[in-house]
């Protein structure tokens, strides 16, 4: 092999789209995105062609790493939004050199913390990332619950529920700074993110980050839960979740890349009928 590397910005979006789909062909969760979905992925997920790389064998593109960078609390944090190698080049130790080349871009841009997610079942990928210096920080769960979970919402008894757009939570300290990329308040405004807080005497007791799917004037269709601050007791958190996730409505509810944390929120959700789906990931980080 005669491997060389270029920025993704050096190829057309059509070429990048074809390489992306070939790179994920045959994986545990194969992806075959439409051209429009692939293009929107960069804007919706904060990925950058100039920060992403393509591996070539001669003139043939054979692998890629998609990357984005954002500033969090004064430091630059990166995200690996997808690493893929076309089927005929797998098993040739290209993954490690791909990750090394991607890291050069991060260092050139003064990134302090690199983050990524990997499927829990994909042990070869996790081992590769560990070899590159990444460490597993937490498990990421995808839970689901359908239908009404309570006949009525709990009495708040002196507490209040407040809602704000997710963008207002950026830099507020309501949620941890280093979290899975797509669950951060700075990303969720693009998809209708909302912060729901439970307060007492104007002090925030706990908060969660959600996305509601609904048509204006109609009932909620579904709610996705991204984060919950784990600084409340069970009573407070149960009340927050009941109102945020509308336990009294016959709707679909899911969690997305939800940090297991100390297990408190997961326990409360499972007691209410949430079940794990077949998909789970690990959250990995590397500090430079």
C-alpha atoms as a PDB file:
ATOM      1  CA  UNK A   1       0.000   0.000   0.000  1.00  0.00           C
ATOM      2  CA  UNK A   2       1.088   3.543  -0.742  1.00  0.00           C
ATOM      3  CA  UNK A   3      -0.996   5.450   1.807  1.00  0.00           C
ATOM      4  CA  UNK A   4      -1.207   9.238   1.808  1.00  0.00           C
ATOM      5  CA  UNK A   5      -3.609  11.656   3.476  1.00  0.00           C
ATOM      6  CA  UNK A   6      -5.544  14.733   2.455  1.00  0.00           C
ATOM      7  CA  UNK A   7      -8.207  16.940   3.969  1.00  0.00           C
ATOM      8  CA  UNK A   8     -11.784  15.937   3.195  1.00  0.00           C
ATOM      9  CA  UNK A   9     -12.228  19.438   1.780  1.00  0.00           C
ATOM     10  CA  UNK A  10      -9.978  18.381  -1.116  1.00  0.00           C
ATOM     11  CA  UNK A  11     -12.663  16.062  -2.518  1.00  0.00           C
ATOM     12  CA  UNK A  12     -16.149  16.799  -3.777  1.00  0.00           C
ATOM     13  CA  UNK A  13     -19.147  16.150  -1.544  1.00  0.00           C
ATOM     14  CA  UNK A  14     -20.258  13.493  -4.019  1.00  0.00           C
ATOM     15  CA  UNK A  15     -16.944  11.653  -3.601  1.00  0.00           C
ATOM     16  CA  UNK A  16     -17.065  12.092   0.179  1.00  0.00           C
ATOM     17  CA  UNK A  17     -20.621  10.731   0.272  1.00  0.00           C
ATOM     18  CA  UNK A  18     -19.664   7.623  -1.686  1.00  0.00           C
ATOM     19  CA  UNK A  19     -16.618   7.033   0.529  1.00  0.00           C
ATOM     20  CA  UNK A  20     -18.702   7.433   3.711  1.00  0.00           C
ATOM     21  CA  UNK A  21     -21.239   4.804   2.693  1.00  0.00           C
ATOM     22  CA  UNK A  22     -18.517   2.398   1.530  1.00  0.00           C
ATOM     23  CA  UNK A  23     -16.589   3.005   4.742  1.00  0.00           C
ATOM     24  CA  UNK A  24     -19.534   1.856   6.875  1.00  0.00           C
ATOM     25  CA  UNK A  25     -20.546  -1.006   4.600  1.00  0.00           C
ATOM     26  CA  UNK A  26     -20.870  -4.282   6.514  1.00  0.00           C
ATOM     27  CA  UNK A  27     -20.308  -2.758   9.975  1.00  0.00           C
ATOM     28  CA  UNK A  28     -22.327  -3.784  13.040  1.00  0.00           C
ATOM     29  CA  UNK A  29     -24.620  -0.849  12.278  1.00  0.00           C
ATOM     30  CA  UNK A  30     -24.083  -0.189   8.561  1.00  0.00           C
ATOM     31  CA  UNK A  31     -25.021   3.276   7.354  1.00  0.00           C
ATOM     32  CA  UNK A  32     -26.187   4.104   3.867  1.00  0.00           C
ATOM     33  CA  UNK A  33     -27.060   7.781   4.000  1.00  0.00           C
ATOM     34  CA  UNK A  34     -28.727   9.672   1.204  1.00  0.00           C
ATOM     35  CA  UNK A  35     -26.664  12.501  -0.285  1.00  0.00           C
ATOM     36  CA  UNK A  36     -28.934  15.109   1.350  1.00  0.00           C
ATOM     37  CA  UNK A  37     -28.661  13.451   4.783  1.00  0.00           C
ATOM     38  CA  UNK A  38     -24.888  13.194   4.453  1.00  0.00           C
ATOM     39  CA  UNK A  39     -24.566  16.887   3.586  1.00  0.00           C
ATOM     40  CA  UNK A  40     -26.830  17.966   6.461  1.00  0.00           C
ATOM     41  CA  UNK A  41     -24.771  15.815   8.859  1.00  0.00           C
ATOM     42  CA  UNK A  42     -21.949  18.363   8.741  1.00  0.00           C
ATOM     43  CA  UNK A  43     -24.113  21.316   9.696  1.00  0.00           C
ATOM     44  CA  UNK A  44     -26.312  19.484  12.194  1.00  0.00           C
ATOM     45  CA  UNK A  45     -23.423  17.799  13.983  1.00  0.00           C
ATOM     46  CA  UNK A  46     -20.783  20.526  13.761  1.00  0.00           C
ATOM     47  CA  UNK A  47     -18.400  18.528  11.562  1.00  0.00           C
ATOM     48  CA  UNK A  48     -15.841  20.246   9.361  1.00  0.00           C
ATOM     49  CA  UNK A  49     -14.467  19.021   5.996  1.00  0.00           C
ATOM     50  CA  UNK A  50     -11.256  20.975   6.616  1.00  0.00           C
ATOM     51  CA  UNK A  51     -10.703  19.159   9.939  1.00  0.00           C
ATOM     52  CA  UNK A  52     -11.614  15.734   8.548  1.00  0.00           C
ATOM     53  CA  UNK A  53      -9.169  13.526   6.674  1.00  0.00           C
ATOM     54  CA  UNK A  54      -9.182  11.004   3.831  1.00  0.00           C
ATOM     55  CA  UNK A  55      -6.683   8.169   3.383  1.00  0.00           C
ATOM     56  CA  UNK A  56      -5.622   7.330  -0.165  1.00  0.00           C
ATOM     57  CA  UNK A  57      -3.908   4.297  -1.615  1.00  0.00           C
ATOM     58  CA  UNK A  58      -2.407   5.978  -4.641  1.00  0.00           C
ATOM     59  CA  UNK A  59      -5.347   7.928  -6.067  1.00  0.00           C
ATOM     60  CA  UNK A  60      -8.020   5.702  -4.527  1.00  0.00           C
ATOM     61  CA  UNK A  61      -9.752   6.965  -1.324  1.00  0.00           C
ATOM     62  CA  UNK A  62      -9.872   4.066   1.131  1.00  0.00           C
ATOM     63  CA  UNK A  63     -10.687   5.520   4.572  1.00  0.00           C
ATOM     64  CA  UNK A  64     -11.672   8.618   6.506  1.00  0.00           C
ATOM     65  CA  UNK A  65     -12.093  10.279   9.877  1.00  0.00           C
ATOM     66  CA  UNK A  66     -14.787  12.949  10.256  1.00  0.00           C
ATOM     67  CA  UNK A  67     -14.016  15.596  12.897  1.00  0.00           C
ATOM     68  CA  UNK A  68     -15.401  18.726  14.488  1.00  0.00           C
ATOM     69  CA  UNK A  69     -14.092  21.137  17.131  1.00  0.00           C
ATOM     70  CA  UNK A  70     -15.945  23.391  19.566  1.00  0.00           C
ATOM     71  CA  UNK A  71     -14.856  25.541  22.494  1.00  0.00           C
ATOM     72  CA  UNK A  72     -16.040  24.455  25.943  1.00  0.00           C
ATOM     73  CA  UNK A  73     -15.161  26.451  29.065  1.00  0.00           C
ATOM     74  CA  UNK A  74     -12.219  28.060  27.320  1.00  0.00           C
ATOM     75  CA  UNK A  75     -10.725  24.859  25.939  1.00  0.00           C
ATOM     76  CA  UNK A  76     -11.068  23.240  22.541  1.00  0.00           C
ATOM     77  CA  UNK A  77     -12.873  19.901  22.447  1.00  0.00           C
ATOM     78  CA  UNK A  78     -13.024  17.674  19.376  1.00  0.00           C
ATOM     79  CA  UNK A  79     -15.360  14.907  18.272  1.00  0.00           C
ATOM     80  CA  UNK A  80     -14.725  11.974  15.999  1.00  0.00           C
ATOM     81  CA  UNK A  81     -17.991  11.858  14.052  1.00  0.00           C
ATOM     82  CA  UNK A  82     -17.122   8.688  12.174  1.00  0.00           C
ATOM     83  CA  UNK A  83     -14.115   6.558  11.271  1.00  0.00           C
ATOM     84  CA  UNK A  84     -14.528   4.255   8.290  1.00  0.00           C
ATOM     85  CA  UNK A  85     -12.427   2.051   6.018  1.00  0.00           C
ATOM     86  CA  UNK A  86     -13.673   0.523   2.768  1.00  0.00           C
ATOM     87  CA  UNK A  87     -14.155  -3.272   3.095  1.00  0.00           C
ATOM     88  CA  UNK A  88     -11.189  -4.405   1.004  1.00  0.00           C
ATOM     89  CA  UNK A  89      -8.746  -2.381   3.143  1.00  0.00           C
ATOM     90  CA  UNK A  90      -9.893  -3.587   6.542  1.00  0.00           C
ATOM     91  CA  UNK A  91      -7.557  -5.760   8.573  1.00  0.00           C
ATOM     92  CA  UNK A  92      -4.485  -4.028   7.165  1.00  0.00           C
ATOM     93  CA  UNK A  93      -3.765  -1.881  10.243  1.00  0.00           C
ATOM     94  CA  UNK A  94      -4.919   1.264   8.473  1.00  0.00           C
ATOM     95  CA  UNK A  95      -7.086   2.331  11.427  1.00  0.00           C
ATOM     96  CA  UNK A  96      -4.167   3.220  13.686  1.00  0.00           C
ATOM     97  CA  UNK A  97      -2.417   5.398  11.081  1.00  0.00           C
ATOM     98  CA  UNK A  98      -5.767   7.035  10.244  1.00  0.00           C
ATOM     99  CA  UNK A  99      -6.238   7.988  13.886  1.00  0.00           C
ATOM    100  CA  UNK A 100      -2.666   9.260  14.145  1.00  0.00           C
ATOM    101  CA  UNK A 101      -3.159  11.468  11.115  1.00  0.00           C
ATOM    102  CA  UNK A 102      -6.451  12.764  12.502  1.00  0.00           C
ATOM    103  CA  UNK A 103      -4.704  13.570  15.792  1.00  0.00           C
ATOM    104  CA  UNK A 104      -2.167  15.753  13.966  1.00  0.00           C
ATOM    105  CA  UNK A 105      -5.057  17.948  12.805  1.00  0.00           C
ATOM    106  CA  UNK A 106      -6.343  18.216  16.374  1.00  0.00           C
ATOM    107  CA  UNK A 107      -2.944  19.168  17.741  1.00  0.00           C
ATOM    108  CA  UNK A 108      -2.473  21.755  14.982  1.00  0.00           C
ATOM    109  CA  UNK A 109      -5.754  23.288  16.145  1.00  0.00           C
ATOM    110  CA  UNK A 110      -4.772  23.232  19.833  1.00  0.00           C
ATOM    111  CA  UNK A 111      -7.423  20.749  20.924  1.00  0.00           C
ATOM    112  CA  UNK A 112      -7.248  19.897  24.650  1.00  0.00           C
ATOM    113  CA  UNK A 113      -9.707  17.002  24.805  1.00  0.00           C
ATOM    114  CA  UNK A 114     -10.692  14.583  22.033  1.00  0.00           C
ATOM    115  CA  UNK A 115     -13.966  12.660  22.336  1.00  0.00           C
ATOM    116  CA  UNK A 116     -15.671   9.840  20.477  1.00  0.00           C
ATOM    117  CA  UNK A 117     -18.269   7.126  20.881  1.00  0.00           C
ATOM    118  CA  UNK A 118     -17.989   3.464  19.895  1.00  0.00           C
ATOM    119  CA  UNK A 119     -20.523   0.665  19.829  1.00  0.00           C
ATOM    120  CA  UNK A 120     -20.168  -1.438  22.993  1.00  0.00           C
ATOM    121  CA  UNK A 121     -20.080  -4.626  20.889  1.00  0.00           C
ATOM    122  CA  UNK A 122     -17.312  -3.321  18.635  1.00  0.00           C
ATOM    123  CA  UNK A 123     -14.368  -4.540  20.675  1.00  0.00           C
ATOM    124  CA  UNK A 124     -11.838  -4.163  17.826  1.00  0.00           C
ATOM    125  CA  UNK A 125     -12.719  -0.460  17.477  1.00  0.00           C
ATOM    126  CA  UNK A 126     -12.571   0.124  21.246  1.00  0.00           C
ATOM    127  CA  UNK A 127      -9.194  -1.631  21.385  1.00  0.00           C
ATOM    128  CA  UNK A 128      -7.926   0.526  18.514  1.00  0.00           C
ATOM    129  CA  UNK A 129      -8.993   3.723  20.268  1.00  0.00           C
ATOM    130  CA  UNK A 130      -7.417   2.551  23.523  1.00  0.00           C
ATOM    131  CA  UNK A 131      -4.194   1.871  21.638  1.00  0.00           C
ATOM    132  CA  UNK A 132      -4.405   5.478  20.412  1.00  0.00           C
ATOM    133  CA  UNK A 133      -4.626   6.736  24.010  1.00  0.00           C
ATOM    134  CA  UNK A 134      -8.392   7.036  24.499  1.00  0.00           C
ATOM    135  CA  UNK A 135     -10.038   5.825  27.702  1.00  0.00           C
ATOM    136  CA  UNK A 136     -13.605   4.661  28.302  1.00  0.00           C
ATOM    137  CA  UNK A 137     -15.297   7.275  30.485  1.00  0.00           C
ATOM    138  CA  UNK A 138     -18.813   5.866  30.712  1.00  0.00           C
ATOM    139  CA  UNK A 139     -21.470   3.702  29.111  1.00  0.00           C
ATOM    140  CA  UNK A 140     -24.059   5.315  26.844  1.00  0.00           C
ATOM    141  CA  UNK A 141     -27.551   3.842  26.913  1.00  0.00           C
ATOM    142  CA  UNK A 142     -30.454   3.973  24.503  1.00  0.00           C
ATOM    143  CA  UNK A 143     -33.607   3.329  26.528  1.00  0.00           C
ATOM    144  CA  UNK A 144     -37.207   3.424  25.345  1.00  0.00           C
ATOM    145  CA  UNK A 145     -40.706   3.499  26.814  1.00  0.00           C
ATOM    146  CA  UNK A 146     -43.999   3.806  24.972  1.00  0.00           C
ATOM    147  CA  UNK A 147     -47.445   4.754  26.166  1.00  0.00           C
ATOM    148  CA  UNK A 148     -48.649   6.465  29.328  1.00  0.00           C
ATOM    149  CA  UNK A 149     -46.439   5.684  32.335  1.00  0.00           C
ATOM    150  CA  UNK A 150     -48.583   7.404  34.994  1.00  0.00           C
ATOM    151  CA  UNK A 151     -52.260   8.244  35.273  1.00  0.00           C
ATOM    152  CA  UNK A 152     -51.401  11.738  36.450  1.00  0.00           C
ATOM    153  CA  UNK A 153     -48.310  13.834  37.103  1.00  0.00           C
ATOM    154  CA  UNK A 154     -47.044  14.109  40.692  1.00  0.00           C
ATOM    155  CA  UNK A 155     -47.938  17.003  42.985  1.00  0.00           C
ATOM    156  CA  UNK A 156     -45.040  19.463  42.911  1.00  0.00           C
ATOM    157  CA  UNK A 157     -45.560  20.513  46.570  1.00  0.00           C
ATOM    158  CA  UNK A 158     -43.636  23.781  46.548  1.00  0.00           C
ATOM    159  CA  UNK A 159     -41.478  23.013  43.512  1.00  0.00           C
ATOM    160  CA  UNK A 160     -41.896  24.618  40.083  1.00  0.00           C
ATOM    161  CA  UNK A 161     -41.197  23.393  36.574  1.00  0.00           C
ATOM    162  CA  UNK A 162     -39.487  25.874  34.242  1.00  0.00           C
ATOM    163  CA  UNK A 163     -38.558  25.493  30.568  1.00  0.00           C
ATOM    164  CA  UNK A 164     -35.956  27.368  28.523  1.00  0.00           C
ATOM    165  CA  UNK A 165     -34.491  26.899  25.019  1.00  0.00           C
ATOM    166  CA  UNK A 166     -31.411  24.675  25.068  1.00  0.00           C
ATOM    167  CA  UNK A 167     -29.243  27.479  23.689  1.00  0.00           C
ATOM    168  CA  UNK A 168     -29.720  29.387  26.964  1.00  0.00           C
ATOM    169  CA  UNK A 169     -28.010  26.561  28.851  1.00  0.00           C
ATOM    170  CA  UNK A 170     -24.719  26.877  26.965  1.00  0.00           C
ATOM    171  CA  UNK A 171     -22.019  27.757  29.500  1.00  0.00           C
ATOM    172  CA  UNK A 172     -24.536  27.864  32.354  1.00  0.00           C
ATOM    173  CA  UNK A 173     -23.061  24.985  34.344  1.00  0.00           C
ATOM    174  CA  UNK A 174     -26.416  23.190  34.415  1.00  0.00           C
ATOM    175  CA  UNK A 175     -24.813  20.172  32.734  1.00  0.00           C
ATOM    176  CA  UNK A 176     -21.297  18.683  32.642  1.00  0.00           C
ATOM    177  CA  UNK A 177     -18.897  20.287  30.160  1.00  0.00           C
ATOM    178  CA  UNK A 178     -17.465  17.110  28.605  1.00  0.00           C
ATOM    179  CA  UNK A 179     -20.303  14.953  27.333  1.00  0.00           C
ATOM    180  CA  UNK A 180     -21.123  13.010  24.165  1.00  0.00           C
ATOM    181  CA  UNK A 181     -21.013  15.570  21.352  1.00  0.00           C
ATOM    182  CA  UNK A 182     -24.617  15.285  20.160  1.00  0.00           C
ATOM    183  CA  UNK A 183     -26.064  15.585  23.670  1.00  0.00           C
ATOM    184  CA  UNK A 184     -24.492  18.965  24.441  1.00  0.00           C
ATOM    185  CA  UNK A 185     -26.798  22.022  24.699  1.00  0.00           C
ATOM    186  CA  UNK A 186     -24.794  23.708  21.929  1.00  0.00           C
ATOM    187  CA  UNK A 187     -25.786  20.951  19.508  1.00  0.00           C
ATOM    188  CA  UNK A 188     -29.402  20.305  20.468  1.00  0.00           C
ATOM    189  CA  UNK A 189     -30.749  23.791  19.536  1.00  0.00           C
ATOM    190  CA  UNK A 190     -30.351  22.713  15.925  1.00  0.00           C
ATOM    191  CA  UNK A 191     -32.891  19.983  16.534  1.00  0.00           C
ATOM    192  CA  UNK A 192     -35.317  21.786  18.822  1.00  0.00           C
ATOM    193  CA  UNK A 193     -33.634  21.215  22.162  1.00  0.00           C
ATOM    194  CA  UNK A 194     -35.251  22.358  25.406  1.00  0.00           C
ATOM    195  CA  UNK A 195     -34.085  22.450  29.029  1.00  0.00           C
ATOM    196  CA  UNK A 196     -36.619  21.510  31.695  1.00  0.00           C
ATOM    197  CA  UNK A 197     -35.753  22.519  35.267  1.00  0.00           C
ATOM    198  CA  UNK A 198     -37.328  21.850  38.634  1.00  0.00           C
ATOM    199  CA  UNK A 199     -36.812  24.764  41.015  1.00  0.00           C
ATOM    200  CA  UNK A 200     -37.582  25.660  44.615  1.00  0.00           C
ATOM    201  CA  UNK A 201     -37.405  29.237  45.844  1.00  0.00           C
ATOM    202  CA  UNK A 202     -35.888  30.089  42.432  1.00  0.00           C
ATOM    203  CA  UNK A 203     -32.974  27.659  42.970  1.00  0.00           C
ATOM    204  CA  UNK A 204     -32.509  24.935  40.344  1.00  0.00           C
ATOM    205  CA  UNK A 205     -32.752  21.537  42.019  1.00  0.00           C
ATOM    206  CA  UNK A 206     -32.238  19.441  38.853  1.00  0.00           C
ATOM    207  CA  UNK A 207     -32.449  19.861  35.090  1.00  0.00           C
ATOM    208  CA  UNK A 208     -32.724  17.778  31.956  1.00  0.00           C
ATOM    209  CA  UNK A 209     -32.144  18.327  28.257  1.00  0.00           C
ATOM    210  CA  UNK A 210     -34.783  17.011  25.863  1.00  0.00           C
ATOM    211  CA  UNK A 211     -36.132  17.296  22.349  1.00  0.00           C
ATOM    212  CA  UNK A 212     -39.859  17.168  21.687  1.00  0.00           C
ATOM    213  CA  UNK A 213     -41.328  16.167  18.357  1.00  0.00           C
ATOM    214  CA  UNK A 214     -44.696  17.718  17.679  1.00  0.00           C
ATOM    215  CA  UNK A 215     -46.602  19.843  15.213  1.00  0.00           C
ATOM    216  CA  UNK A 216     -47.647  23.226  16.596  1.00  0.00           C
ATOM    217  CA  UNK A 217     -51.179  23.018  17.954  1.00  0.00           C
ATOM    218  CA  UNK A 218     -51.085  19.227  18.238  1.00  0.00           C
ATOM    219  CA  UNK A 219     -50.154  16.817  21.020  1.00  0.00           C
ATOM    220  CA  UNK A 220     -46.559  15.706  21.551  1.00  0.00           C
ATOM    221  CA  UNK A 221     -45.563  12.735  19.386  1.00  0.00           C
ATOM    222  CA  UNK A 222     -42.281  11.766  21.010  1.00  0.00           C
ATOM    223  CA  UNK A 223     -39.583  13.005  23.404  1.00  0.00           C
ATOM    224  CA  UNK A 224     -35.850  12.262  23.394  1.00  0.00           C
ATOM    225  CA  UNK A 225     -33.868  12.632  26.626  1.00  0.00           C
ATOM    226  CA  UNK A 226     -30.195  13.617  26.262  1.00  0.00           C
ATOM    227  CA  UNK A 227     -28.990  14.605  29.723  1.00  0.00           C
ATOM    228  CA  UNK A 228     -30.072  14.876  33.348  1.00  0.00           C
ATOM    229  CA  UNK A 229     -28.113  16.687  36.047  1.00  0.00           C
ATOM    230  CA  UNK A 230     -27.712  14.183  38.883  1.00  0.00           C
ATOM    231  CA  UNK A 231     -27.729  16.601  41.801  1.00  0.00           C
ATOM    232  CA  UNK A 232     -31.234  15.921  43.094  1.00  0.00           C
ATOM    233  CA  UNK A 233     -32.787  13.259  45.279  1.00  0.00           C
ATOM    234  CA  UNK A 234     -35.097  10.594  43.871  1.00  0.00           C
ATOM    235  CA  UNK A 235     -38.286  12.532  44.641  1.00  0.00           C
ATOM    236  CA  UNK A 236     -37.055  15.651  42.864  1.00  0.00           C
ATOM    237  CA  UNK A 237     -35.681  13.733  39.880  1.00  0.00           C
ATOM    238  CA  UNK A 238     -38.834  11.632  39.541  1.00  0.00           C
ATOM    239  CA  UNK A 239     -40.946  14.796  39.455  1.00  0.00           C
ATOM    240  CA  UNK A 240     -38.653  16.416  36.902  1.00  0.00           C
ATOM    241  CA  UNK A 241     -38.704  13.360  34.625  1.00  0.00           C
ATOM    242  CA  UNK A 242     -42.471  12.968  34.941  1.00  0.00           C
ATOM    243  CA  UNK A 243     -43.083  16.517  33.681  1.00  0.00           C
ATOM    244  CA  UNK A 244     -40.252  16.649  31.149  1.00  0.00           C
ATOM    245  CA  UNK A 245     -41.105  13.288  29.594  1.00  0.00           C
ATOM    246  CA  UNK A 246     -44.867  13.722  29.975  1.00  0.00           C
ATOM    247  CA  UNK A 247     -45.461  10.433  31.787  1.00  0.00           C
ATOM    248  CA  UNK A 248     -49.232  10.935  31.584  1.00  0.00           C
ATOM    249  CA  UNK A 249     -49.295  11.026  27.754  1.00  0.00           C
ATOM    250  CA  UNK A 250     -49.446   8.017  25.381  1.00  0.00           C
ATOM    251  CA  UNK A 251     -46.241   8.919  23.525  1.00  0.00           C
ATOM    252  CA  UNK A 252     -42.908   7.410  22.542  1.00  0.00           C
ATOM    253  CA  UNK A 253     -39.899   8.222  24.739  1.00  0.00           C
ATOM    254  CA  UNK A 254     -36.233   7.444  24.150  1.00  0.00           C
ATOM    255  CA  UNK A 255     -32.830   8.317  25.530  1.00  0.00           C
ATOM    256  CA  UNK A 256     -29.962   9.116  23.172  1.00  0.00           C
ATOM    257  CA  UNK A 257     -26.303   8.466  24.051  1.00  0.00           C
ATOM    258  CA  UNK A 258     -27.385   8.808  27.664  1.00  0.00           C
ATOM    259  CA  UNK A 259     -24.528   8.688  30.173  1.00  0.00           C
ATOM    260  CA  UNK A 260     -25.023   5.917  32.719  1.00  0.00           C
ATOM    261  CA  UNK A 261     -23.289   8.019  35.394  1.00  0.00           C
ATOM    262  CA  UNK A 262     -23.864   6.790  38.920  1.00  0.00           C
ATOM    263  CA  UNK A 263     -26.955   4.897  37.758  1.00  0.00           C
ATOM    264  CA  UNK A 264     -29.453   6.977  39.736  1.00  0.00           C
ATOM    265  CA  UNK A 265     -31.419   8.297  36.742  1.00  0.00           C
ATOM    266  CA  UNK A 266     -31.202   4.987  34.875  1.00  0.00           C
ATOM    267  CA  UNK A 267     -32.688   3.262  37.919  1.00  0.00           C
ATOM    268  CA  UNK A 268     -35.552   5.757  38.109  1.00  0.00           C
ATOM    269  CA  UNK A 269     -36.295   5.389  34.393  1.00  0.00           C
ATOM    270  CA  UNK A 270     -36.288   1.583  34.452  1.00  0.00           C
ATOM    271  CA  UNK A 271     -38.620   1.563  37.447  1.00  0.00           C
ATOM    272  CA  UNK A 272     -41.036   3.608  35.330  1.00  0.00           C
ATOM    273  CA  UNK A 273     -40.942   1.116  32.483  1.00  0.00           C
ATOM    274  CA  UNK A 274     -38.003   2.189  30.332  1.00  0.00           C
ATOM    275  CA  UNK A 275     -36.172  -0.730  28.736  1.00  0.00           C
ATOM    276  CA  UNK A 276     -32.728  -1.001  27.183  1.00  0.00           C
ATOM    277  CA  UNK A 277     -32.611  -1.321  23.412  1.00  0.00           C
ATOM    278  CA  UNK A 278     -30.093  -3.591  21.634  1.00  0.00           C
ATOM    279  CA  UNK A 279     -27.880  -0.557  20.954  1.00  0.00           C
ATOM    280  CA  UNK A 280     -25.372   0.798  23.478  1.00  0.00           C
ATOM    281  CA  UNK A 281     -22.118   2.703  23.175  1.00  0.00           C
ATOM    282  CA  UNK A 282     -19.113   3.738  25.225  1.00  0.00           C
ATOM    283  CA  UNK A 283     -17.964   7.336  25.643  1.00  0.00           C
ATOM    284  CA  UNK A 284     -14.200   7.719  25.226  1.00  0.00           C
ATOM    285  CA  UNK A 285     -11.902  10.700  25.696  1.00  0.00           C
ATOM    286  CA  UNK A 286      -8.234  11.566  25.308  1.00  0.00           C
ATOM    287  CA  UNK A 287      -6.533  14.528  26.949  1.00  0.00           C
ATOM    288  CA  UNK A 288      -3.597  16.202  25.231  1.00  0.00           C
END
